[in-house]
C-alpha atoms as a PDB file:
ATOM      1  CA  MET A   1     -20.208  21.472  -2.190  1.00  0.00           C
ATOM      2  CA  LYS A   2     -16.842  21.602  -0.819  1.00  0.00           C
ATOM      3  CA  THR A   3     -13.840  21.369  -2.817  1.00  0.00           C
ATOM      4  CA  TYR A   4     -11.060  19.690  -1.079  1.00  0.00           C
ATOM      5  CA  ASN A   5      -7.189  21.061  -1.544  1.00  0.00           C
ATOM      6  CA  TRP A   6      -4.808  18.272  -1.975  1.00  0.00           C
ATOM      7  CA  GLY A   7      -1.194  18.825  -1.079  1.00  0.00           C
ATOM      8  CA  ILE A   8       1.381  16.315  -2.257  1.00  0.00           C
ATOM      9  CA  ILE A   9       4.571  15.848  -0.157  1.00  0.00           C
ATOM     10  CA  GLY A  10       7.153  14.119  -2.917  1.00  0.00           C
ATOM     11  CA  THR A  11       7.484  14.631  -6.582  1.00  0.00           C
ATOM     12  CA  GLY A  12       8.441  11.040  -7.598  1.00  0.00           C
ATOM     13  CA  PHE A  13       6.364   8.466  -9.265  1.00  0.00           C
ATOM     14  CA  ILE A  14       3.529   7.912  -6.762  1.00  0.00           C
ATOM     15  CA  GLY A  15       3.056  11.596  -6.210  1.00  0.00           C
ATOM     16  CA  GLN A  16       2.628  12.116 -10.024  1.00  0.00           C
ATOM     17  CA  LYS A  17       0.222   9.184 -10.116  1.00  0.00           C
ATOM     18  CA  LEU A  18      -2.119  10.678  -7.471  1.00  0.00           C
ATOM     19  CA  ALA A  19      -1.755  14.402  -8.628  1.00  0.00           C
ATOM     20  CA  GLU A  20      -3.110  12.627 -12.294  1.00  0.00           C
ATOM     21  CA  ALA A  21      -5.938  10.558 -10.298  1.00  0.00           C
ATOM     22  CA  LEU A  22      -7.458  13.379  -8.782  1.00  0.00           C
ATOM     23  CA  ALA A  23      -9.166  14.655 -12.172  1.00  0.00           C
ATOM     24  CA  PHE A  24     -11.230  11.445 -11.736  1.00  0.00           C
ATOM     25  CA  VAL A  25     -12.106  12.373  -7.868  1.00  0.00           C
ATOM     26  CA  PRO A  26     -15.421  14.373  -7.079  1.00  0.00           C
ATOM     27  CA  GLN A  27     -14.752  17.705  -5.002  1.00  0.00           C
ATOM     28  CA  SER A  28     -10.718  17.298  -5.430  1.00  0.00           C
ATOM     29  CA  LYS A  29      -8.171  19.726  -6.521  1.00  0.00           C
ATOM     30  CA  VAL A  30      -4.328  19.412  -6.820  1.00  0.00           C
ATOM     31  CA  TYR A  31      -3.544  22.560  -4.749  1.00  0.00           C
ATOM     32  CA  ALA A  32      -0.004  22.416  -4.028  1.00  0.00           C
ATOM     33  CA  VAL A  33       3.187  20.161  -3.774  1.00  0.00           C
ATOM     34  CA  ALA A  34       6.290  20.269  -1.695  1.00  0.00           C
ATOM     35  CA  SER A  35       9.824  19.042  -2.611  1.00  0.00           C
ATOM     36  CA  ARG A  36      12.982  19.792  -0.438  1.00  0.00           C
ATOM     37  CA  ASN A  37      14.234  20.978  -3.964  1.00  0.00           C
ATOM     38  CA  ILE A  38      12.326  23.763  -4.900  1.00  0.00           C
ATOM     39  CA  GLU A  39      13.162  23.487  -8.667  1.00  0.00           C
ATOM     40  CA  THR A  40      11.629  19.934  -8.612  1.00  0.00           C
ATOM     41  CA  ALA A  41       8.713  21.575  -7.180  1.00  0.00           C
ATOM     42  CA  ASN A  42       8.410  24.263  -9.422  1.00  0.00           C
ATOM     43  CA  ILE A  43       8.481  21.547 -12.478  1.00  0.00           C
ATOM     44  CA  PHE A  44       5.848  19.559 -10.634  1.00  0.00           C
ATOM     45  CA  ALA A  45       3.634  22.396 -10.131  1.00  0.00           C
ATOM     46  CA  GLU A  46       4.008  23.680 -13.373  1.00  0.00           C
ATOM     47  CA  LYS A  47       2.727  20.360 -14.798  1.00  0.00           C
ATOM     48  CA  TYR A  48      -0.179  20.248 -12.617  1.00  0.00           C
ATOM     49  CA  ASN A  49      -0.951  23.408 -11.996  1.00  0.00           C
ATOM     50  CA  CYS A  50      -0.584  23.930  -8.507  1.00  0.00           C
ATOM     51  CA  LYS A  51       1.525  25.958  -6.243  1.00  0.00           C
ATOM     52  CA  ALA A  52       5.106  24.770  -5.097  1.00  0.00           C
ATOM     53  CA  TYR A  53       6.798  24.881  -1.656  1.00  0.00           C
ATOM     54  CA  GLY A  54      10.602  24.089  -1.013  1.00  0.00           C
ATOM     55  CA  THR A  55       9.900  22.621   2.393  1.00  0.00           C
ATOM     56  CA  TYR A  56       7.204  20.129   3.547  1.00  0.00           C
ATOM     57  CA  GLU A  57       6.670  22.284   6.453  1.00  0.00           C
ATOM     58  CA  GLU A  58       5.665  25.136   4.291  1.00  0.00           C
ATOM     59  CA  LEU A  59       2.791  23.178   2.741  1.00  0.00           C
ATOM     60  CA  ALA A  60       1.880  21.907   5.871  1.00  0.00           C
ATOM     61  CA  ASN A  61       1.453  25.655   7.277  1.00  0.00           C
ATOM     62  CA  ASP A  62      -0.734  26.507   4.389  1.00  0.00           C
ATOM     63  CA  PRO A  63      -4.106  26.984   5.760  1.00  0.00           C
ATOM     64  CA  GLU A  64      -5.668  26.531   2.222  1.00  0.00           C
ATOM     65  CA  VAL A  65      -4.439  22.619   2.021  1.00  0.00           C
ATOM     66  CA  ASP A  66      -6.848  20.040   3.266  1.00  0.00           C
ATOM     67  CA  ILE A  67      -5.227  16.425   2.687  1.00  0.00           C
ATOM     68  CA  ILE A  68      -1.839  16.111   2.494  1.00  0.00           C
ATOM     69  CA  HIS A  69      -0.680  12.765   0.745  1.00  0.00           C
ATOM     70  CA  ILE A  70       2.764  11.439   1.763  1.00  0.00           C
ATOM     71  CA  ALA A  71       4.659  10.154  -1.344  1.00  0.00           C
ATOM     72  CA  THR A  72       8.543  10.369   0.262  1.00  0.00           C
ATOM     73  CA  PRO A  73      10.650   7.607   0.676  1.00  0.00           C
ATOM     74  CA  HIS A  74       9.765   4.954   3.450  1.00  0.00           C
ATOM     75  CA  ASN A  75      11.840   6.061   6.027  1.00  0.00           C
ATOM     76  CA  LEU A  76      10.317   9.454   6.316  1.00  0.00           C
ATOM     77  CA  HIS A  77       6.490   8.259   6.258  1.00  0.00           C
ATOM     78  CA  CYS A  78       6.525   8.299  10.181  1.00  0.00           C
ATOM     79  CA  GLU A  79       8.178  11.659  10.620  1.00  0.00           C
ATOM     80  CA  ASN A  80       6.084  13.612   7.304  1.00  0.00           C
ATOM     81  CA  THR A  81       2.920  12.256   8.695  1.00  0.00           C
ATOM     82  CA  LEU A  82       3.040  13.081  12.187  1.00  0.00           C
ATOM     83  CA  MET A  83       4.348  16.759  11.205  1.00  0.00           C
ATOM     84  CA  CYS A  84       1.160  17.202   9.217  1.00  0.00           C
ATOM     85  CA  LEU A  85      -1.313  15.421  11.487  1.00  0.00           C
ATOM     86  CA  ASN A  86       0.103  17.732  14.375  1.00  0.00           C
ATOM     87  CA  LYS A  87      -0.762  20.627  12.104  1.00  0.00           C
ATOM     88  CA  GLY A  88      -4.144  19.557  11.792  1.00  0.00           C
ATOM     89  CA  LYS A  89      -4.135  18.191   8.071  1.00  0.00           C
ATOM     90  CA  HIS A  90      -5.606  14.693   6.910  1.00  0.00           C
ATOM     91  CA  VAL A  91      -3.383  12.433   5.551  1.00  0.00           C
ATOM     92  CA  LEU A  92      -3.207   9.606   3.038  1.00  0.00           C
ATOM     93  CA  CYS A  93      -0.046   8.104   3.191  1.00  0.00           C
ATOM     94  CA  GLU A  94       1.768   5.924   1.057  1.00  0.00           C
ATOM     95  CA  LYS A  95       2.735   2.114   1.713  1.00  0.00           C
ATOM     96  CA  PRO A  96       4.477   0.715   3.714  1.00  0.00           C
ATOM     97  CA  PHE A  97       2.583   3.183   5.932  1.00  0.00           C
ATOM     98  CA  ALA A  98       5.523   3.383   8.389  1.00  0.00           C
ATOM     99  CA  ILE A  99       8.741   1.164   8.980  1.00  0.00           C
ATOM    100  CA  ASN A 100       7.251  -0.666  11.989  1.00  0.00           C
ATOM    101  CA  GLY A 101       4.465  -1.216  14.411  1.00  0.00           C
ATOM    102  CA  LYS A 102       5.816   1.359  16.967  1.00  0.00           C
ATOM    103  CA  GLU A 103       5.739   3.977  14.326  1.00  0.00           C
ATOM    104  CA  VAL A 104       2.167   3.318  13.163  1.00  0.00           C
ATOM    105  CA  ARG A 105       0.713   3.325  16.557  1.00  0.00           C
ATOM    106  CA  LYS A 106       2.286   6.774  17.060  1.00  0.00           C
ATOM    107  CA  MET A 107       0.988   8.001  13.958  1.00  0.00           C
ATOM    108  CA  ILE A 108      -2.441   6.692  14.613  1.00  0.00           C
ATOM    109  CA  ASP A 109      -2.366   8.426  18.181  1.00  0.00           C
ATOM    110  CA  ALA A 110      -1.319  11.497  16.686  1.00  0.00           C
ATOM    111  CA  ALA A 111      -4.579  11.242  14.292  1.00  0.00           C
ATOM    112  CA  LYS A 112      -7.027  10.593  17.440  1.00  0.00           C
ATOM    113  CA  ALA A 113      -5.451  13.333  19.438  1.00  0.00           C
ATOM    114  CA  ASN A 114      -5.825  16.004  16.582  1.00  0.00           C
ATOM    115  CA  ASN A 115      -9.101  14.699  15.496  1.00  0.00           C
ATOM    116  CA  VAL A 116      -7.903  14.471  11.663  1.00  0.00           C
ATOM    117  CA  PHE A 117      -8.372  11.527   9.203  1.00  0.00           C
ATOM    118  CA  LEU A 118      -5.595   9.151   8.367  1.00  0.00           C
ATOM    119  CA  MET A 119      -5.477   6.178   5.831  1.00  0.00           C
ATOM    120  CA  ASP A 120      -2.820   3.635   4.698  1.00  0.00           C
ATOM    121  CA  ALA A 121      -3.006   4.345   0.746  1.00  0.00           C
ATOM    122  CA  LEU A 122      -2.594   0.700  -0.072  1.00  0.00           C
ATOM    123  CA  TRP A 123      -4.317   1.141  -3.225  1.00  0.00           C
ATOM    124  CA  THR A 124      -4.736  -2.480  -4.220  1.00  0.00           C
ATOM    125  CA  ARG A 125      -7.271  -2.557  -1.399  1.00  0.00           C
ATOM    126  CA  PHE A 126      -9.753  -0.180  -3.350  1.00  0.00           C
ATOM    127  CA  ASN A 127      -9.110  -1.937  -6.953  1.00  0.00           C
ATOM    128  CA  PRO A 128     -12.900  -2.845  -7.968  1.00  0.00           C
ATOM    129  CA  ASN A 129     -11.152  -6.297  -8.986  1.00  0.00           C
ATOM    130  CA  ILE A 130      -9.677  -6.909  -5.965  1.00  0.00           C
ATOM    131  CA  ILE A 131     -12.809  -6.414  -4.346  1.00  0.00           C
ATOM    132  CA  LYS A 132     -14.685  -8.432  -6.449  1.00  0.00           C
ATOM    133  CA  VAL A 133     -12.505 -11.395  -5.592  1.00  0.00           C
ATOM    134  CA  LYS A 134     -13.195 -11.014  -2.158  1.00  0.00           C
ATOM    135  CA  LYS A 135     -17.000 -10.927  -2.706  1.00  0.00           C
ATOM    136  CA  ILE A 136     -16.894 -14.071  -4.634  1.00  0.00           C
ATOM    137  CA  LEU A 137     -14.969 -15.891  -1.962  1.00  0.00           C
ATOM    138  CA  ASP A 138     -17.367 -14.840   0.721  1.00  0.00           C
ATOM    139  CA  SER A 139     -20.522 -15.613  -1.281  1.00  0.00           C
ATOM    140  CA  GLY A 140     -19.122 -19.274  -0.821  1.00  0.00           C
ATOM    141  CA  ILE A 141     -20.071 -20.284  -4.500  1.00  0.00           C
ATOM    142  CA  LEU A 142     -16.573 -22.012  -4.778  1.00  0.00           C
ATOM    143  CA  GLY A 143     -16.674 -23.325  -1.261  1.00  0.00           C
ATOM    144  CA  LYS A 144     -13.770 -23.288   1.184  1.00  0.00           C
ATOM    145  CA  VAL A 145     -10.628 -21.870   0.220  1.00  0.00           C
ATOM    146  CA  THR A 146      -7.831 -24.126   0.738  1.00  0.00           C
ATOM    147  CA  LEU A 147      -4.787 -22.773  -0.497  1.00  0.00           C
ATOM    148  CA  LEU A 148      -3.681 -19.471  -2.069  1.00  0.00           C
ATOM    149  CA  LYS A 149      -0.507 -18.839  -3.509  1.00  0.00           C
ATOM    150  CA  THR A 150       1.040 -15.447  -4.793  1.00  0.00           C
ATOM    151  CA  ASP A 151       4.112 -13.615  -5.294  1.00  0.00           C
ATOM    152  CA  PHE A 152       5.639 -10.417  -6.395  1.00  0.00           C
ATOM    153  CA  GLY A 153       9.057 -10.276  -7.879  1.00  0.00           C
ATOM    154  CA  GLU A 154      10.831  -7.575 -10.514  1.00  0.00           C
ATOM    155  CA  ARG A 155      14.330  -7.952 -11.076  1.00  0.00           C
ATOM    156  CA  LYS A 156      16.106  -4.628 -10.100  1.00  0.00           C
ATOM    157  CA  PRO A 157      19.419  -2.640 -11.454  1.00  0.00           C
ATOM    158  CA  TYR A 158      21.831  -3.410  -8.780  1.00  0.00           C
ATOM    159  CA  HIS A 159      23.353  -0.333  -6.923  1.00  0.00           C
ATOM    160  CA  PRO A 160      24.131  -0.113  -3.145  1.00  0.00           C
ATOM    161  CA  GLU A 161      22.508   3.299  -2.978  1.00  0.00           C
ATOM    162  CA  ASN A 162      19.531   2.103  -5.192  1.00  0.00           C
ATOM    163  CA  ARG A 163      16.562   2.576  -2.928  1.00  0.00           C
ATOM    164  CA  PHE A 164      15.603  -0.965  -3.634  1.00  0.00           C
ATOM    165  CA  PHE A 165      19.019  -1.865  -2.055  1.00  0.00           C
ATOM    166  CA  SER A 166      19.650   0.562   0.409  1.00  0.00           C
ATOM    167  CA  LYS A 167      19.183  -0.218   4.066  1.00  0.00           C
ATOM    168  CA  GLU A 168      19.297   3.213   4.988  1.00  0.00           C
ATOM    169  CA  LEU A 169      16.386   3.962   2.596  1.00  0.00           C
ATOM    170  CA  THR A 170      14.584   0.544   4.289  1.00  0.00           C
ATOM    171  CA  GLY A 171      15.175  -1.478   1.142  1.00  0.00           C
ATOM    172  CA  GLY A 172      14.481  -5.120   0.230  1.00  0.00           C
ATOM    173  CA  SER A 173      12.025  -7.023  -1.445  1.00  0.00           C
ATOM    174  CA  LEU A 174       9.620  -7.525   1.500  1.00  0.00           C
ATOM    175  CA  ILE A 175       8.879  -4.042   2.448  1.00  0.00           C
ATOM    176  CA  ASP A 176       8.688  -2.643  -1.018  1.00  0.00           C
ATOM    177  CA  MET A 177       6.919  -5.374  -2.823  1.00  0.00           C
ATOM    178  CA  GLY A 178       6.224  -8.525  -0.392  1.00  0.00           C
ATOM    179  CA  ILE A 179       3.563  -6.058   1.117  1.00  0.00           C
ATOM    180  CA  TYR A 180       1.420  -6.571  -2.012  1.00  0.00           C
ATOM    181  CA  PRO A 181       0.782 -10.384  -2.003  1.00  0.00           C
ATOM    182  CA  LEU A 182       0.733 -10.149   2.059  1.00  0.00           C
ATOM    183  CA  PHE A 183      -2.026  -7.549   1.619  1.00  0.00           C
ATOM    184  CA  VAL A 184      -4.198  -9.690  -0.730  1.00  0.00           C
ATOM    185  CA  SER A 185      -3.583 -12.525   1.579  1.00  0.00           C
ATOM    186  CA  ILE A 186      -4.934 -11.296   4.651  1.00  0.00           C
ATOM    187  CA  PHE A 187      -7.712  -9.413   2.723  1.00  0.00           C
ATOM    188  CA  MET A 188      -8.835 -12.578   1.405  1.00  0.00           C
ATOM    189  CA  LEU A 189      -7.907 -14.986   4.260  1.00  0.00           C
ATOM    190  CA  GLY A 190      -8.341 -12.832   7.445  1.00  0.00           C
ATOM    191  CA  LYS A 191      -5.575 -12.311   9.822  1.00  0.00           C
ATOM    192  CA  PRO A 192      -3.190 -15.433  10.186  1.00  0.00           C
ATOM    193  CA  THR A 193      -2.773 -17.396  13.531  1.00  0.00           C
ATOM    194  CA  LYS A 194       0.962 -18.340  12.569  1.00  0.00           C
ATOM    195  CA  ILE A 195       3.708 -16.977  10.136  1.00  0.00           C
ATOM    196  CA  THR A 196       6.916 -18.764   9.046  1.00  0.00           C
ATOM    197  CA  ALA A 197       9.704 -16.941   7.057  1.00  0.00           C
ATOM    198  CA  THR A 198      12.998 -17.540   5.398  1.00  0.00           C
ATOM    199  CA  ALA A 199      15.064 -14.877   3.031  1.00  0.00           C
ATOM    200  CA  GLY A 200      18.182 -14.371   1.251  1.00  0.00           C
ATOM    201  CA  ILE A 201      19.836 -11.417   2.499  1.00  0.00           C
ATOM    202  CA  GLY A 202      22.248  -9.401  -0.229  1.00  0.00           C
ATOM    203  CA  LYS A 203      25.457  -8.072   0.284  1.00  0.00           C
ATOM    204  CA  THR A 204      23.784  -4.491   1.357  1.00  0.00           C
ATOM    205  CA  GLY A 205      21.892  -6.158   4.219  1.00  0.00           C
ATOM    206  CA  VAL A 206      18.533  -6.205   2.755  1.00  0.00           C
ATOM    207  CA  ASP A 207      16.529  -8.928   1.662  1.00  0.00           C
ATOM    208  CA  THR A 208      16.724  -9.633  -2.125  1.00  0.00           C
ATOM    209  CA  ASN A 209      14.790 -12.657  -1.758  1.00  0.00           C
ATOM    210  CA  THR A 210      11.615 -13.542   0.930  1.00  0.00           C
ATOM    211  CA  SER A 211       9.415 -16.517   1.359  1.00  0.00           C
ATOM    212  CA  PHE A 212       6.752 -16.735   3.822  1.00  0.00           C
ATOM    213  CA  VAL A 213       3.529 -18.805   4.809  1.00  0.00           C
ATOM    214  CA  LEU A 214       0.724 -17.694   6.877  1.00  0.00           C
ATOM    215  CA  GLY A 215      -1.233 -20.193   8.637  1.00  0.00           C
ATOM    216  CA  TYR A 216      -4.471 -20.502   9.822  1.00  0.00           C
ATOM    217  CA  ASP A 217      -6.574 -22.462  12.386  1.00  0.00           C
ATOM    218  CA  ASP A 218      -8.227 -24.619   9.645  1.00  0.00           C
ATOM    219  CA  ASP A 219      -5.685 -26.436   7.156  1.00  0.00           C
ATOM    220  CA  LYS A 220      -5.493 -23.455   4.477  1.00  0.00           C
ATOM    221  CA  LEU A 221      -2.726 -21.667   3.789  1.00  0.00           C
ATOM    222  CA  ALA A 222      -1.059 -18.731   2.105  1.00  0.00           C
ATOM    223  CA  VAL A 223       2.254 -19.342   0.312  1.00  0.00           C
ATOM    224  CA  ILE A 224       3.903 -15.707  -0.768  1.00  0.00           C
ATOM    225  CA  SER A 225       7.248 -14.677  -1.793  1.00  0.00           C
ATOM    226  CA  SER A 226       8.882 -11.271  -3.053  1.00  0.00           C
ATOM    227  CA  SER A 227      12.435 -10.903  -4.906  1.00  0.00           C
ATOM    228  CA  ILE A 228      14.155  -7.771  -6.218  1.00  0.00           C
ATOM    229  CA  VAL A 229      16.628  -9.918  -8.218  1.00  0.00           C
ATOM    230  CA  ALA A 230      14.144 -12.320 -10.065  1.00  0.00           C
ATOM    231  CA  ASP A 231      11.028 -11.650 -12.443  1.00  0.00           C
ATOM    232  CA  THR A 232       8.648 -13.598 -11.305  1.00  0.00           C
ATOM    233  CA  GLU A 233       4.841 -14.075 -12.305  1.00  0.00           C
ATOM    234  CA  SER A 234       3.653 -11.625  -9.517  1.00  0.00           C
ATOM    235  CA  ALA A 235       0.197 -13.190  -9.874  1.00  0.00           C
ATOM    236  CA  ALA A 236      -2.098 -14.875  -7.520  1.00  0.00           C
ATOM    237  CA  THR A 237      -3.994 -18.079  -7.591  1.00  0.00           C
ATOM    238  CA  ILE A 238      -6.820 -18.999  -4.858  1.00  0.00           C
ATOM    239  CA  TYR A 239      -7.779 -22.524  -4.989  1.00  0.00           C
ATOM    240  CA  CYS A 240     -11.189 -23.704  -3.555  1.00  0.00           C
ATOM    241  CA  GLU A 241     -13.147 -26.853  -3.222  1.00  0.00           C
ATOM    242  CA  LYS A 242     -15.143 -26.208  -6.201  1.00  0.00           C
ATOM    243  CA  GLY A 243     -12.314 -24.153  -8.312  1.00  0.00           C
ATOM    244  CA  HIS A 244     -10.009 -21.561  -8.589  1.00  0.00           C
ATOM    245  CA  ILE A 245      -9.730 -17.842  -9.185  1.00  0.00           C
ATOM    246  CA  HIS A 246      -6.664 -16.364 -10.982  1.00  0.00           C
ATOM    247  CA  MET A 247      -5.238 -13.047 -10.757  1.00  0.00           C
ATOM    248  CA  SER A 248      -2.784 -12.316 -13.510  1.00  0.00           C
ATOM    249  CA  GLN A 249       0.247  -9.652 -13.336  1.00  0.00           C
ATOM    250  CA  TYR A 250       0.391  -7.491 -11.538  1.00  0.00           C
ATOM    251  CA  ILE A 251      -0.709  -8.900  -7.880  1.00  0.00           C
ATOM    252  CA  TYR A 252      -1.226  -4.838  -6.767  1.00  0.00           C
ATOM    253  CA  ALA A 253      -3.381  -4.340  -9.912  1.00  0.00           C
ATOM    254  CA  PRO A 254      -4.445  -7.360 -11.655  1.00  0.00           C
ATOM    255  CA  ALA A 255      -4.956  -6.925 -15.451  1.00  0.00           C
ATOM    256  CA  LYS A 256      -6.973  -9.674 -15.388  1.00  0.00           C
ATOM    257  CA  ILE A 257      -9.375 -11.835 -13.147  1.00  0.00           C
ATOM    258  CA  SER A 258     -10.723 -15.491 -14.200  1.00  0.00           C
ATOM    259  CA  ILE A 259     -12.744 -18.129 -12.442  1.00  0.00           C
ATOM    260  CA  LYS A 260     -11.808 -21.947 -13.411  1.00  0.00           C
ATOM    261  CA  MET A 261     -14.443 -24.404 -12.026  1.00  0.00           C
ATOM    262  CA  LEU A 262     -13.498 -27.886 -11.391  1.00  0.00           C
ATOM    263  CA  ASP A 263     -15.428 -29.249 -14.115  1.00  0.00           C
ATOM    264  CA  GLY A 264     -13.258 -27.242 -16.653  1.00  0.00           C
ATOM    265  CA  GLU A 265     -15.698 -24.309 -17.147  1.00  0.00           C
ATOM    266  CA  SER A 266     -14.018 -21.091 -16.986  1.00  0.00           C
ATOM    267  CA  GLU A 267     -14.967 -17.359 -16.909  1.00  0.00           C
ATOM    268  CA  ASP A 268     -13.331 -14.014 -17.307  1.00  0.00           C
ATOM    269  CA  ILE A 269     -14.553 -11.515 -14.718  1.00  0.00           C
ATOM    270  CA  THR A 270     -12.542  -8.791 -15.155  1.00  0.00           C
ATOM    271  CA  GLU A 271     -14.102  -5.324 -14.878  1.00  0.00           C
ATOM    272  CA  LYS A 272     -13.107  -2.202 -16.840  1.00  0.00           C
ATOM    273  CA  LEU A 273     -11.477   0.477 -14.439  1.00  0.00           C
ATOM    274  CA  VAL A 274     -11.460   4.225 -14.833  1.00  0.00           C
ATOM    275  CA  GLY A 275      -8.863   6.573 -13.994  1.00  0.00           C
ATOM    276  CA  ASN A 276      -5.281   5.093 -13.063  1.00  0.00           C
ATOM    277  CA  ILE A 277      -6.551   3.309 -10.096  1.00  0.00           C
ATOM    278  CA  TYR A 278      -5.307   5.765  -7.492  1.00  0.00           C
ATOM    279  CA  ASN A 279      -8.451   7.458  -7.649  1.00  0.00           C
ATOM    280  CA  TYR A 280     -10.312   4.850  -5.880  1.00  0.00           C
ATOM    281  CA  GLU A 281      -8.376   5.562  -2.496  1.00  0.00           C
ATOM    282  CA  ALA A 282      -8.488   9.188  -3.287  1.00  0.00           C
ATOM    283  CA  VAL A 283     -12.090   8.881  -3.451  1.00  0.00           C
ATOM    284  CA  GLU A 284     -12.483   6.712  -0.250  1.00  0.00           C
ATOM    285  CA  VAL A 285     -10.623   9.686   1.596  1.00  0.00           C
ATOM    286  CA  ILE A 286     -13.468  12.219   0.210  1.00  0.00           C
ATOM    287  CA  GLU A 287     -16.137  10.092   1.430  1.00  0.00           C
ATOM    288  CA  CYS A 288     -14.944   9.589   4.626  1.00  0.00           C
ATOM    289  CA  LEU A 289     -14.213  13.312   5.224  1.00  0.00           C
ATOM    290  CA  GLU A 290     -17.831  14.123   3.930  1.00  0.00           C
ATOM    291  CA  LYS A 291     -19.294  11.751   6.697  1.00  0.00           C
ATOM    292  CA  GLY A 292     -16.958  13.053   9.511  1.00  0.00           C
ATOM    293  CA  LYS A 293     -14.737   9.986   9.665  1.00  0.00           C
ATOM    294  CA  ILE A 294     -11.455  10.129  10.798  1.00  0.00           C
ATOM    295  CA  GLN A 295     -10.766   6.821   9.821  1.00  0.00           C
ATOM    296  CA  SER A 296     -11.793   4.402   6.914  1.00  0.00           C
ATOM    297  CA  ASP A 297     -14.184   1.136   7.426  1.00  0.00           C
ATOM    298  CA  LYS A 298     -12.749  -0.296   4.328  1.00  0.00           C
ATOM    299  CA  MET A 299      -8.782   0.449   5.155  1.00  0.00           C
ATOM    300  CA  SER A 300      -9.190   0.812   8.929  1.00  0.00           C
ATOM    301  CA  TRP A 301      -6.149   1.694  11.614  1.00  0.00           C
ATOM    302  CA  GLU A 302      -6.578  -1.931  12.702  1.00  0.00           C
ATOM    303  CA  ASP A 303      -6.136  -3.213   8.982  1.00  0.00           C
ATOM    304  CA  THR A 304      -3.153  -1.605   8.687  1.00  0.00           C
ATOM    305  CA  LEU A 305      -1.525  -2.897  12.472  1.00  0.00           C
ATOM    306  CA  VAL A 306      -2.370  -6.422  11.139  1.00  0.00           C
ATOM    307  CA  ILE A 307       0.044  -5.726   8.173  1.00  0.00           C
ATOM    308  CA  ILE A 308       2.838  -4.290   9.713  1.00  0.00           C
ATOM    309  CA  ASP A 309       2.341  -6.352  12.627  1.00  0.00           C
ATOM    310  CA  SER A 310       2.861  -9.311  10.252  1.00  0.00           C
ATOM    311  CA  LEU A 311       5.609  -7.385   8.222  1.00  0.00           C
ATOM    312  CA  ASP A 312       7.670  -7.041  11.850  1.00  0.00           C
ATOM    313  CA  GLU A 313       7.203 -10.624  12.406  1.00  0.00           C
ATOM    314  CA  ILE A 314       8.549 -11.797   9.117  1.00  0.00           C
ATOM    315  CA  ARG A 315      11.570  -9.286   9.402  1.00  0.00           C
ATOM    316  CA  ARG A 316      12.179 -10.682  13.084  1.00  0.00           C
ATOM    317  CA  GLN A 317      12.427 -14.301  11.812  1.00  0.00           C
ATOM    318  CA  ILE A 318      14.648 -13.623   8.691  1.00  0.00           C
ATOM    319  CA  GLY A 319      16.705 -11.024  10.799  1.00  0.00           C
ATOM    320  CA  LEU A 320      16.280  -8.019   8.787  1.00  0.00           C
ATOM    321  CA  VAL A 321      16.582  -4.802  11.304  1.00  0.00           C
ATOM    322  CA  PHE A 322      17.006  -1.348   9.830  1.00  0.00           C
ATOM    323  CA  ASP A 323      18.497   0.416  12.573  1.00  0.00           C
ATOM    324  CA  ALA A 324      18.841   0.346  16.566  1.00  0.00           C
ATOM    325  CA  HIS A 325      15.536   1.510  17.162  1.00  0.00           C
ATOM    326  CA  ASP A 326      13.519  -0.459  14.837  1.00  0.00           C
ATOM    327  CA  LEU A 327      11.992  -3.981  16.049  1.00  0.00           C
END
């Protein structure tokens, strides 16, 4: 049975979480890490017992590396992913997958051209509790969905160079935080037929608050907000004809899932999880590679395009453009 060697580009919080998660993933090994600062790479490598590289290219050129996890700043995702794909490496790229739909399509084309696996690392998609909610809705036991309300807001310490407030680093609440409630809404309800958005743009030029509504051909709506200047409930409630499902903080990995019927009966349906949840997406990567797939059925390229195209439309409406080559 093959053991897959993982390379991690980026030594920050997400890269470390993936490294820790691989202990729960069959056929997986933390093999190497790369940073633009070799000292940082060495610290990471010592902690996770792997090789260290001082450039991203060195890691991608290592013939022993099978899969590369891209955990760099948002604005580098496309560039880093293309480099790895063109060197024949399988890639799991952190969210947001890229800055816009144009970049995502370049990444997909490169994966096809090189016949290598590529997946969006939206870990929420693989959370067993999120999957359970979807199955309950699809079963029809709660009847038709009538309304979904969700948000994600965390007050971030203000500094112009803080990545959350930096336009250069593609900051703002939508791209970094709003993507989670957007994904949950689309996963539960499907691709919207209409999007309406508004936002508060801060003094650094990024959105500090964004609110948007997803509309559908029937009368249901998903009402969503994100914020980097307010601590919100960061939860989700899905209202149906016969009751509702509530997902508590945090929307990207809810601590509790409960159902409440219109007759007042309620039930906690939360499942106990293993690992740090990042392991579930890594398991999907391994299972796809074992089957010879270059994309996941669960988080397909089309799924990623629906998300990024929705983000692009919201940004057009709120006037959030990161550079001259963006939208």
